[in-house]
Amino acid sequence: MQPSAVTAAASFIDEHAADLVREFADLVSVPNVSRVPGQPDLAAAAVADLYVRSGVELTSLRIDGAPPLLTGRIDVGAERTVGIYVHYDGQPVDPDEWTFGPFVPTLVSGRIDRGGEALSLPVSGDPVDPEWRLYARGTADDRAPLFALAVALRALAAGSMSPAVNLVFAFEGEEEIGSVHLADYFAANRDALDADLWLICDGPVHRSGLPQIVFGVRGITEMEITVHGPNRPLHSGHYGNWVFNPVQELARILASMKDDEGRVLVDGFYDSTIPPGAAELAAARDVPRDDAELRRELGIGATEGSGASLLERLFLPSLNVRGLDGGPVGDLARNVIPTAATASLDLRLVPGNDPSAMAELVRRHVERQGFHVIDGEPGDDDRGHARVATVRAVPGYPGVRLPMDDPAAAAVVDAARAAGGGEVLAVPTFGGSVPLFWFTEILRAPVVLVPIANHDNNQHAADENLRIGNLWYGVRLMAALCHPD
C-alpha cells in the first residue's frame, strides 16, 4: 500500500534531517535584501539551484529594472492545477543589531532571548531537535516555504509518488518593496501562470502553535513626509524660539494623525472600508483570543482600540510611523535647529481602500495642518511659505479578503490538518501585506495563504529565526498540498 504524502514526507525528514538543516543554512547564507543591487539575483540563482536538485527546472522571466520572476510547472495530466507563490527577497539588515551576522546562519538550541546557545550544524546521521532554531535573514520570511516545497517534491519522489495535481510556481524577488513589477509579470505571462487555485506561502502559524489557513491580507501604501526648515543648520541658542524647528513641526503633524486610542484622525480614512461579513466575524470569534498573553510576551501594558482584539483591529486600515530622522542623538547630538525632519509611514489597507486615494487623504491632512505641500525639494518660491513639507507616496496594492466558504479552500484545510496532526484555524485575514490583489485581479483565481513559520520568528527585524519543527511542518504541508489524499 502506498504511503500517504505526509507519511512519505515524515520518513524523508527522519532519514535526512541533519543534511536538510545544513542545506537550508546554505540557502539562507545568500544575501537577499530587495534594495541592495545584485542581492536578489544571487538569491534567485540559489533558489534555481535548489529546485534543480529537486528535479524542477525553473524559468527566469525578466523585466528591465526588476529581479527575475522564477516560474516552473509540473504537469501530471490532472484535472486541477494549483499555483504556489513564494518570495525570495528579504528586508534590510543592520548587522550591528544582530546577535550573529544576518547572513551567517547560526543554529541555536532555543530562542536567544531565553538562553538559547549556539550549536554546530549537524552532520549526516546526527539527531535534530525540532525546538532548535536557525537564525538568519530570510529563514522565516520567506525562504522556509521555498525550501519546504523543494524538499516535499524530493520526499514524494523517494516514496515513489508524483504530485496528484498540476503545479505552477511563481517565486518573486520584490515582495518586500511592494511587488512593484508583479502585476506586469502576471499580465505578460497569464497563460503560463493559469491555475485553479493559488497558494500564498508566507507568514506565521498561530501563536498557540496551531496551523492556520488565512483568507485575506491587508494591502499597503508607503509614504514619506519631510518637513523643511532653514537652508542650513542654525545654532539653537542664537535662533531657538524664532526659527521653526522642523523636528517639532513634524512631531506636531504626526501627533495630529491619531487619537489616544489609536483611531486615525485623517478625514475620510475609514470611509471606504468594507466591513467584515457574518462568516468572517464568526470565524474571528473561533480563533483563540490570546491578547493578554501576547501583551505579556511583548512587554506592553495596553493596546490601541479600547480593548478590541488584535484580529478585530486587522479588519481596519492602519497608519504606522515606521521611522524618523531629524538629527543625531546621544553623544552625537548637536545644539542646532536642523534643516529637515522626515517620517516614513506605511498604510496597511483593507478591502475598499484604494492605495492612491488613501495616500491623498494623508497629503490633504498635512495641508490642513498649515503646510505648503510639495512633491520634491523646495525651491525659492516654496521657501516663501511659513511651513513647507514634501509628501511622497508609493502606492502598493489593495487589501483582499476571500470568501471563507470557497470549495477550493476545503482541501487546503484538510492538508494542513493532516500535516499538523490536529486542529486547524481558519482565519479571515492577516495583518501583513502580500500581493493577493494581483492574483485575483489579473490571474482571476482564488487565493489562500498557507503559513508555516513560528509566530515568534522576528520577521522583518534583527535575529530573524525559524524553529526547525516549523520547517518540518512545512515539508509535510507542501507534500500534502501537492498530493492530496
Protein backbone atom coordinates (compact mmCIF):
# COMPACT_ATOMS: atom_id res chain seq x y z
CA MET A 1 0.00 0.00 0.00
CA GLN A 2 1.39 3.39 -0.99
CA PRO A 3 2.12 5.66 2.00
CA SER A 4 0.33 8.97 2.35
CA ALA A 5 2.14 12.09 1.23
CA VAL A 6 2.52 13.20 4.85
CA THR A 7 3.99 9.83 5.84
CA ALA A 8 6.40 9.95 2.92
CA ALA A 9 7.49 13.46 3.94
CA ALA A 10 7.94 12.47 7.60
CA SER A 11 10.04 9.45 6.62
CA PHE A 12 12.22 11.56 4.35
CA ILE A 13 12.78 14.09 7.13
CA ASP A 14 13.70 11.36 9.62
CA GLU A 15 16.29 9.95 7.22
CA HIS A 16 17.82 13.24 6.06
CA ALA A 17 17.18 15.74 8.87
CA ALA A 18 20.78 16.79 9.51
CA ASP A 19 21.58 17.13 5.81
CA LEU A 20 18.44 19.22 5.28
CA VAL A 21 19.34 21.61 8.09
CA ARG A 22 22.76 22.16 6.53
CA GLU A 23 21.27 22.65 3.07
CA PHE A 24 18.75 25.17 4.40
CA ALA A 25 21.58 27.02 6.13
CA ASP A 26 23.42 27.23 2.80
CA LEU A 27 20.32 28.71 1.16
CA VAL A 28 19.83 31.46 3.75
CA SER A 29 23.51 32.35 3.75
CA VAL A 30 22.95 34.05 0.38
CA PRO A 31 22.19 37.77 0.87
CA ASN A 32 18.72 38.68 -0.42
CA VAL A 33 17.87 42.28 0.56
CA SER A 34 15.48 43.68 -2.04
CA ARG A 35 17.03 47.14 -2.29
CA VAL A 36 20.69 46.08 -2.45
CA PRO A 37 21.73 45.80 -6.11
CA GLY A 38 22.70 42.28 -7.06
CA GLN A 39 21.47 40.54 -3.95
CA PRO A 40 18.05 39.48 -5.33
CA ASP A 41 19.79 37.99 -8.37
CA LEU A 42 22.13 35.99 -6.14
CA ALA A 43 19.16 34.79 -4.12
CA ALA A 44 17.25 33.84 -7.28
CA ALA A 45 20.20 31.81 -8.56
CA ALA A 46 20.37 29.94 -5.23
CA VAL A 47 16.65 29.12 -5.47
CA ALA A 48 17.04 27.89 -9.05
CA ASP A 49 19.90 25.60 -7.95
CA LEU A 50 17.77 24.29 -5.08
CA TYR A 51 14.99 23.29 -7.45
CA VAL A 52 17.35 21.66 -9.93
CA ARG A 53 18.36 19.38 -7.05
CA SER A 54 14.67 18.59 -6.61
CA GLY A 55 14.14 17.77 -10.26
CA VAL A 56 12.49 21.04 -11.35
CA GLU A 57 13.89 23.41 -13.97
CA LEU A 58 12.77 26.96 -13.24
CA THR A 59 12.45 29.64 -15.91
CA SER A 60 13.81 33.10 -15.12
CA LEU A 61 11.49 35.80 -16.50
CA ARG A 62 12.92 39.31 -16.76
CA ILE A 63 11.55 42.85 -16.81
CA ASP A 64 14.03 45.73 -17.07
CA GLY A 65 14.89 47.10 -13.67
CA ALA A 66 13.43 44.16 -11.75
CA PRO A 67 14.81 40.93 -10.32
CA PRO A 68 13.60 37.80 -12.07
CA LEU A 69 10.28 36.10 -11.52
CA LEU A 70 11.12 32.41 -11.31
CA THR A 71 8.42 30.20 -12.79
CA GLY A 72 8.04 26.48 -13.28
CA ARG A 73 5.45 23.86 -14.00
CA ILE A 74 4.87 20.19 -13.21
CA ASP A 75 2.12 18.82 -15.44
CA VAL A 76 0.86 15.37 -14.44
CA GLY A 77 -2.31 15.46 -16.53
CA ALA A 78 -4.53 16.13 -13.52
CA GLU A 79 -7.86 17.94 -13.72
CA ARG A 80 -6.82 20.62 -11.23
CA THR A 81 -3.85 22.96 -11.27
CA VAL A 82 -2.51 24.55 -8.10
CA GLY A 83 -0.22 27.56 -8.16
CA ILE A 84 2.33 28.14 -5.40
CA TYR A 85 3.75 31.62 -4.76
CA VAL A 86 6.72 32.41 -2.53
CA HIS A 87 9.04 35.42 -2.42
CA TYR A 88 12.80 35.02 -2.17
CA ASP A 89 13.78 38.61 -1.28
CA GLY A 90 14.25 39.92 2.25
CA GLN A 91 14.09 43.03 4.40
CA PRO A 92 17.09 45.31 5.03
CA VAL A 93 19.59 44.39 7.74
CA ASP A 94 21.75 46.31 10.20
CA PRO A 95 24.47 43.82 11.18
CA ASP A 96 25.12 45.71 14.43
CA GLU A 97 21.64 44.79 15.64
CA TRP A 98 22.09 41.04 15.11
CA THR A 99 23.48 38.60 17.65
CA PHE A 100 25.07 36.73 14.77
CA GLY A 101 25.63 38.00 11.25
CA PRO A 102 22.34 38.29 9.30
CA PHE A 103 23.76 36.05 6.58
CA VAL A 104 25.82 33.84 8.86
CA PRO A 105 23.22 31.12 9.58
CA THR A 106 23.55 30.02 13.19
CA LEU A 107 21.83 27.06 14.78
CA VAL A 108 20.69 27.79 18.33
CA SER A 109 19.25 25.46 20.97
CA GLY A 110 16.25 27.75 21.52
CA ARG A 111 15.30 31.41 21.48
CA ILE A 112 18.36 33.57 22.09
CA ASP A 113 16.45 35.83 24.48
CA ARG A 114 15.54 32.80 26.57
CA GLY A 115 19.02 31.39 26.97
CA GLY A 116 19.42 29.54 23.69
CA GLU A 117 23.03 28.67 22.89
CA ALA A 118 24.77 28.47 19.52
CA LEU A 119 25.33 24.95 18.20
CA SER A 120 27.41 23.43 15.44
CA LEU A 121 25.44 22.46 12.36
CA PRO A 122 24.67 18.72 12.50
CA VAL A 123 26.38 16.22 10.22
CA SER A 124 24.74 13.32 8.40
CA GLY A 125 23.01 10.98 10.79
CA ASP A 126 23.01 13.35 13.76
CA PRO A 127 19.70 13.75 15.58
CA VAL A 128 17.93 17.08 15.09
CA ASP A 129 15.82 18.63 17.83
CA PRO A 130 12.67 20.28 16.41
CA GLU A 131 12.99 23.02 19.06
CA TRP A 132 16.29 24.20 17.64
CA ARG A 133 16.19 27.44 15.67
CA LEU A 134 18.17 28.68 12.71
CA TYR A 135 18.96 32.41 12.86
CA ALA A 136 19.49 34.40 9.63
CA ARG A 137 17.63 36.88 7.43
CA GLY A 138 15.05 35.08 5.34
CA THR A 139 14.82 31.93 7.42
CA ALA A 140 11.15 32.53 8.17
CA ASP A 141 10.30 35.24 5.66
CA ASP A 142 10.25 33.71 3.17
CA ARG A 143 12.79 31.10 2.20
CA ALA A 144 11.37 28.48 4.57
CA PRO A 145 8.42 27.60 2.27
CA LEU A 146 10.72 27.70 -0.77
CA PHE A 147 12.89 25.08 0.86
CA ALA A 148 9.98 23.09 2.28
CA LEU A 149 8.36 22.77 -1.15
CA ALA A 150 11.59 21.62 -2.78
CA VAL A 151 12.11 19.00 -0.07
CA ALA A 152 8.48 17.86 -0.30
CA LEU A 153 8.95 17.14 -4.02
CA ARG A 154 12.02 15.04 -3.19
CA ALA A 155 10.12 13.23 -0.45
CA LEU A 156 7.30 12.32 -2.81
CA ALA A 157 9.78 11.01 -5.37
CA ALA A 158 11.58 8.98 -2.70
CA GLY A 159 8.22 7.44 -1.81
CA SER A 160 7.55 6.60 -5.48
CA MET A 161 4.85 9.23 -5.60
CA SER A 162 4.15 12.06 -8.03
CA PRO A 163 2.10 15.20 -7.40
CA ALA A 164 -1.61 14.45 -7.78
CA VAL A 165 -2.34 17.95 -9.09
CA ASN A 166 -0.62 20.00 -11.77
CA LEU A 167 1.68 22.55 -10.17
CA VAL A 168 2.67 26.06 -11.24
CA PHE A 169 5.34 28.03 -9.39
CA ALA A 170 5.89 31.80 -9.14
CA PHE A 171 8.82 32.92 -6.98
CA GLU A 172 9.18 36.71 -6.66
CA GLY A 173 12.12 38.94 -5.73
CA GLU A 174 10.39 42.24 -4.87
CA GLU A 175 7.71 41.41 -2.33
CA GLU A 176 9.46 43.29 0.46
CA ILE A 177 9.39 46.52 -1.57
CA GLY A 178 5.76 46.34 -2.64
CA SER A 179 5.85 43.85 -5.56
CA VAL A 180 6.27 46.80 -7.90
CA HIS A 181 6.63 44.70 -11.06
CA LEU A 182 4.49 41.69 -10.16
CA ALA A 183 1.40 42.96 -11.99
CA ASP A 184 3.47 43.46 -15.15
CA TYR A 185 4.94 39.96 -14.85
CA PHE A 186 1.46 38.49 -14.41
CA ALA A 187 -0.08 40.45 -17.27
CA ALA A 188 2.67 39.32 -19.66
CA ASN A 189 2.53 35.66 -18.59
CA ARG A 190 -1.12 34.98 -17.76
CA ASP A 191 -1.39 31.74 -19.74
CA ALA A 192 1.77 30.27 -18.22
CA LEU A 193 0.50 31.09 -14.73
CA ASP A 194 -3.04 29.80 -15.17
CA ALA A 195 -4.23 27.84 -12.12
CA ASP A 196 -7.47 26.88 -10.39
CA LEU A 197 -6.14 27.99 -7.01
CA TRP A 198 -3.08 29.90 -5.83
CA LEU A 199 -1.44 29.16 -2.51
CA ILE A 200 0.50 32.06 -0.99
CA CYS A 201 3.24 30.76 1.27
CA ASP A 202 4.11 33.48 3.76
CA GLY A 203 3.65 34.38 7.40
CA PRO A 204 3.50 32.53 10.73
CA VAL A 205 1.27 29.91 12.27
CA HIS A 206 -0.90 30.97 15.19
CA ARG A 207 0.74 31.96 18.45
CA SER A 208 -0.65 28.78 20.01
CA GLY A 209 1.37 26.75 17.52
CA LEU A 210 -1.75 25.60 15.71
CA PRO A 211 -1.64 25.65 11.91
CA GLN A 212 -3.76 28.32 10.32
CA ILE A 213 -5.16 28.85 6.85
CA VAL A 214 -5.71 32.53 6.07
CA PHE A 215 -8.24 34.00 3.66
CA GLY A 216 -7.12 37.60 3.35
CA VAL A 217 -4.38 40.16 3.79
CA ARG A 218 -4.08 43.91 4.08
CA GLY A 219 -2.72 45.96 1.21
CA ILE A 220 -0.09 48.66 1.51
CA THR A 221 0.91 52.18 0.58
CA GLU A 222 4.27 53.61 1.67
CA MET A 223 4.83 57.31 2.34
CA GLU A 224 7.45 59.82 3.46
CA ILE A 225 6.76 63.23 4.97
CA THR A 226 9.66 65.68 5.14
CA VAL A 227 9.25 69.00 6.93
CA HIS A 228 11.73 71.60 5.73
CA GLY A 229 13.41 74.15 7.99
CA PRO A 230 16.22 76.64 7.38
CA ASN A 231 18.52 76.11 4.43
CA ARG A 232 21.45 75.44 6.76
CA PRO A 233 21.72 74.15 10.36
CA LEU A 234 21.35 77.00 12.84
CA HIS A 235 22.74 77.48 16.35
CA SER A 236 19.86 76.63 18.68
CA GLY A 237 20.88 79.33 21.16
CA HIS A 238 21.07 82.13 18.62
CA TYR A 239 17.94 81.13 16.69
CA GLY A 240 15.85 78.96 19.02
CA ASN A 241 12.33 80.33 19.77
CA TRP A 242 12.49 82.28 16.50
CA VAL A 243 13.03 79.79 13.65
CA PHE A 244 10.50 76.96 13.31
CA ASN A 245 12.16 73.64 14.20
CA PRO A 246 11.30 71.00 11.55
CA VAL A 247 11.53 68.14 14.05
CA GLN A 248 8.94 69.73 16.30
CA GLU A 249 6.77 70.65 13.34
CA LEU A 250 6.91 67.05 12.09
CA ALA A 251 6.04 65.80 15.57
CA ARG A 252 3.00 68.07 15.52
CA ILE A 253 1.85 66.59 12.20
CA LEU A 254 2.28 63.04 13.43
CA ALA A 255 0.53 63.74 16.74
CA SER A 256 -2.46 65.12 14.83
CA MET A 257 -2.94 61.85 12.93
CA LYS A 258 -4.15 59.59 15.76
CA ASP A 259 -6.07 59.96 19.00
CA ASP A 260 -5.21 58.41 22.36
CA GLU A 261 -6.98 55.15 21.47
CA GLY A 262 -5.22 54.80 18.12
CA ARG A 263 -8.08 55.93 15.90
CA VAL A 264 -6.71 57.61 12.77
CA LEU A 265 -7.91 61.21 12.60
CA VAL A 266 -7.18 61.76 8.90
CA ASP A 267 -10.52 62.83 7.38
CA GLY A 268 -12.13 60.01 5.41
CA PHE A 269 -9.56 57.41 6.45
CA TYR A 270 -12.19 54.75 7.26
CA ASP A 271 -14.91 55.82 4.82
CA SER A 272 -14.05 53.36 2.03
CA THR A 273 -13.53 50.36 4.32
CA ILE A 274 -15.69 47.32 3.55
CA PRO A 275 -16.58 45.76 6.91
CA PRO A 276 -16.26 42.02 7.51
CA GLY A 277 -19.25 39.83 6.77
CA ALA A 278 -21.06 37.45 9.10
CA ALA A 279 -18.93 34.44 8.14
CA GLU A 280 -15.72 36.39 8.74
CA LEU A 281 -16.88 37.65 12.11
CA ALA A 282 -17.91 34.13 13.12
CA ALA A 283 -14.51 32.77 12.09
CA ALA A 284 -12.79 35.53 14.04
CA ARG A 285 -14.70 34.52 17.16
CA ASP A 286 -13.47 30.94 16.76
CA VAL A 287 -9.80 31.96 16.75
CA PRO A 288 -8.35 31.65 20.26
CA ARG A 289 -8.19 35.09 21.84
CA ASP A 290 -4.79 35.33 23.49
CA ASP A 291 -4.32 39.09 23.57
CA ALA A 292 -3.46 39.19 27.27
CA GLU A 293 -0.75 36.56 26.84
CA LEU A 294 0.56 38.34 23.76
CA ARG A 295 0.81 41.65 25.63
CA ARG A 296 2.83 39.94 28.35
CA GLU A 297 5.11 38.33 25.76
CA LEU A 298 5.69 41.67 24.04
CA GLY A 299 6.22 43.56 27.29
CA ILE A 300 3.39 46.06 26.77
CA GLY A 301 0.70 47.03 29.23
CA ALA A 302 -2.03 48.19 26.85
CA THR A 303 -3.00 48.25 23.20
CA GLU A 304 -4.94 50.54 20.88
CA GLY A 305 -8.62 50.15 20.15
CA SER A 306 -10.26 50.40 23.60
CA GLY A 307 -9.88 46.70 24.32
CA ALA A 308 -10.56 45.39 20.81
CA SER A 309 -8.80 42.12 19.95
CA LEU A 310 -5.86 42.02 17.57
CA LEU A 311 -7.92 40.23 14.93
CA GLU A 312 -10.71 42.81 15.19
CA ARG A 313 -8.18 45.58 14.59
CA LEU A 314 -6.90 43.83 11.45
CA PHE A 315 -10.27 44.45 9.78
CA LEU A 316 -9.39 48.17 9.75
CA PRO A 317 -6.75 50.12 7.82
CA SER A 318 -3.78 51.32 9.85
CA LEU A 319 -1.34 54.22 9.79
CA ASN A 320 2.07 53.37 11.17
CA VAL A 321 5.14 55.57 11.68
CA ARG A 322 7.94 53.16 10.89
CA GLY A 323 10.90 55.51 11.14
CA LEU A 324 12.03 59.06 11.98
CA ASP A 325 15.07 61.07 11.00
CA GLY A 326 15.66 64.54 12.36
CA GLY A 327 19.23 64.58 13.60
CA PRO A 328 21.66 62.61 15.73
CA VAL A 329 21.14 61.84 19.42
CA GLY A 330 23.30 60.73 22.32
CA ASP A 331 26.98 61.62 22.06
CA LEU A 332 26.46 62.93 18.51
CA ALA A 333 23.67 65.36 19.42
CA ARG A 334 24.37 68.96 18.41
CA ASN A 335 22.83 72.21 19.62
CA VAL A 336 21.29 73.11 16.29
CA ILE A 337 17.99 73.60 14.56
CA PRO A 338 18.17 71.01 11.74
CA THR A 339 17.34 71.74 8.13
CA ALA A 340 14.73 68.98 7.78
CA ALA A 341 12.98 66.10 9.51
CA THR A 342 11.48 63.04 7.83
CA ALA A 343 8.94 60.43 8.87
CA SER A 344 8.49 57.16 6.99
CA LEU A 345 4.95 55.73 7.10
CA ASP A 346 3.20 52.61 5.99
CA LEU A 347 -0.56 52.50 5.49
CA ARG A 348 -2.00 48.99 5.74
CA LEU A 349 -5.16 48.77 3.65
CA VAL A 350 -8.26 46.61 3.80
CA PRO A 351 -10.84 45.83 1.09
CA GLY A 352 -12.37 49.02 -0.26
CA ASN A 353 -9.29 51.20 0.32
CA ASP A 354 -7.63 52.47 -2.85
CA PRO A 355 -3.85 52.81 -2.34
CA SER A 356 -3.51 56.16 -4.16
CA ALA A 357 -6.68 57.62 -2.65
CA MET A 358 -5.53 56.77 0.88
CA ALA A 359 -2.20 58.50 0.27
CA GLU A 360 -4.06 61.57 -0.98
CA LEU A 361 -6.06 61.70 2.26
CA VAL A 362 -2.83 61.86 4.23
CA ARG A 363 -1.45 64.56 1.93
CA ARG A 364 -4.56 66.69 2.46
CA HIS A 365 -4.26 66.17 6.20
CA VAL A 366 -0.75 67.63 6.14
CA GLU A 367 -2.08 70.63 4.22
CA ARG A 368 -4.80 71.14 6.82
CA GLN A 369 -2.11 71.41 9.49
CA GLY A 370 -0.99 74.62 7.78
CA PHE A 371 1.72 73.30 5.47
CA HIS A 372 2.52 74.17 1.87
CA VAL A 373 2.84 70.63 0.43
CA ILE A 374 5.15 69.84 -2.47
CA ASP A 375 6.35 66.69 -4.23
CA GLY A 376 10.10 67.32 -4.35
CA GLU A 377 12.79 69.57 -2.94
CA PRO A 378 11.68 73.12 -2.08
CA GLY A 379 12.58 75.96 -4.42
CA ASP A 380 12.91 79.65 -3.56
CA ASP A 381 9.18 80.24 -4.09
CA ASP A 382 8.29 77.32 -1.83
CA ARG A 383 10.54 78.64 0.93
CA GLY A 384 8.50 81.80 0.99
CA HIS A 385 5.76 79.86 2.82
CA ALA A 386 5.76 79.70 6.61
CA ARG A 387 5.71 75.89 6.75
CA VAL A 388 6.80 73.59 3.90
CA ALA A 389 6.52 69.80 3.67
CA THR A 390 7.35 67.29 0.96
CA VAL A 391 4.94 64.36 0.81
CA ARG A 392 5.85 61.40 -1.35
CA ALA A 393 3.82 58.22 -1.75
CA VAL A 394 4.49 54.82 -3.28
CA PRO A 395 1.03 53.26 -3.67
CA GLY A 396 1.19 49.48 -3.45
CA TYR A 397 -1.89 47.30 -3.80
CA PRO A 398 -5.32 46.95 -2.14
CA GLY A 399 -6.22 44.51 0.58
CA VAL A 400 -8.12 41.33 -0.22
CA ARG A 401 -10.43 39.05 1.74
CA LEU A 402 -11.70 35.93 0.03
CA PRO A 403 -14.93 34.04 0.76
CA MET A 404 -14.29 31.59 3.54
CA ASP A 405 -16.75 29.08 2.10
CA ASP A 406 -14.93 28.73 -1.23
CA PRO A 407 -14.84 24.96 -2.04
CA ALA A 408 -11.21 25.22 -3.16
CA ALA A 409 -10.19 26.02 0.40
CA ALA A 410 -11.54 22.80 1.92
CA ALA A 411 -8.71 20.68 0.51
CA VAL A 412 -6.15 23.17 1.82
CA VAL A 413 -7.59 22.97 5.33
CA ASP A 414 -7.56 19.16 5.11
CA ALA A 415 -3.90 19.20 4.04
CA ALA A 416 -2.96 21.43 6.98
CA ARG A 417 -4.87 19.16 9.33
CA ALA A 418 -3.01 16.11 8.01
CA ALA A 419 0.38 17.86 8.18
CA GLY A 420 -0.19 19.26 11.67
CA GLY A 421 -1.93 16.21 13.04
CA GLY A 422 -4.82 18.06 14.65
CA GLU A 423 -6.85 21.23 14.79
CA VAL A 424 -6.52 23.93 12.10
CA LEU A 425 -7.61 27.54 12.47
CA ALA A 426 -9.43 29.27 9.62
CA VAL A 427 -8.51 32.95 9.89
CA PRO A 428 -10.28 35.72 7.94
CA THR A 429 -7.26 37.98 7.49
CA PHE A 430 -3.60 38.60 8.21
CA GLY A 431 -2.28 41.97 9.28
CA GLY A 432 0.68 41.82 6.92
CA SER A 433 0.67 42.73 3.25
CA VAL A 434 1.07 40.19 0.47
CA PRO A 435 0.11 40.94 -3.17
CA LEU A 436 -3.03 38.79 -3.25
CA PHE A 437 -4.78 41.51 -5.24
CA TRP A 438 -2.80 40.80 -8.41
CA PHE A 439 -3.73 37.10 -8.26
CA THR A 440 -7.44 37.87 -8.04
CA GLU A 441 -7.35 40.86 -10.42
CA ILE A 442 -5.06 39.55 -13.19
CA LEU A 443 -4.87 35.76 -12.83
CA ARG A 444 -8.55 35.54 -11.84
CA ALA A 445 -8.00 32.74 -9.35
CA PRO A 446 -8.95 32.25 -5.69
CA VAL A 447 -6.08 32.62 -3.25
CA VAL A 448 -5.40 31.08 0.16
CA LEU A 449 -2.47 31.72 2.50
CA VAL A 450 -0.66 28.73 3.99
CA PRO A 451 1.80 29.98 6.66
CA ILE A 452 4.43 27.71 8.20
CA ALA A 453 6.82 29.88 10.28
CA ASN A 454 6.75 30.09 14.09
CA HIS A 455 4.88 33.14 15.35
CA ASP A 456 7.94 34.49 17.22
CA ASN A 457 10.27 34.45 14.22
CA ASN A 458 11.27 38.16 14.40
CA GLN A 459 10.02 38.68 10.87
CA HIS A 460 11.46 41.92 9.36
CA ALA A 461 13.57 42.52 12.47
CA ALA A 462 17.03 41.61 13.71
CA ASP A 463 17.59 38.00 14.81
CA GLU A 464 15.01 36.57 12.42
CA ASN A 465 14.76 32.84 13.02
CA LEU A 466 12.91 29.67 12.13
CA ARG A 467 12.06 26.88 14.52
CA ILE A 468 13.17 23.61 12.91
CA GLY A 469 9.90 21.91 13.84
CA ASN A 470 8.06 24.51 11.75
CA LEU A 471 10.30 23.73 8.79
CA TRP A 472 9.36 20.06 9.12
CA TYR A 473 5.68 21.03 9.33
CA GLY A 474 6.18 22.99 6.11
CA VAL A 475 7.62 19.96 4.33
CA ARG A 476 4.69 17.79 5.43
CA LEU A 477 2.20 20.51 4.46
CA MET A 478 3.69 21.02 0.99
CA ALA A 479 3.69 17.28 0.39
CA ALA A 480 0.02 17.07 1.38
CA LEU A 481 -0.87 20.04 -0.85
CA CYS A 482 0.95 18.55 -3.82
CA HIS A 483 -0.59 15.12 -3.26
CA PRO A 484 -3.99 15.41 -1.53
CA ASP A 485 -5.07 12.04 -0.17
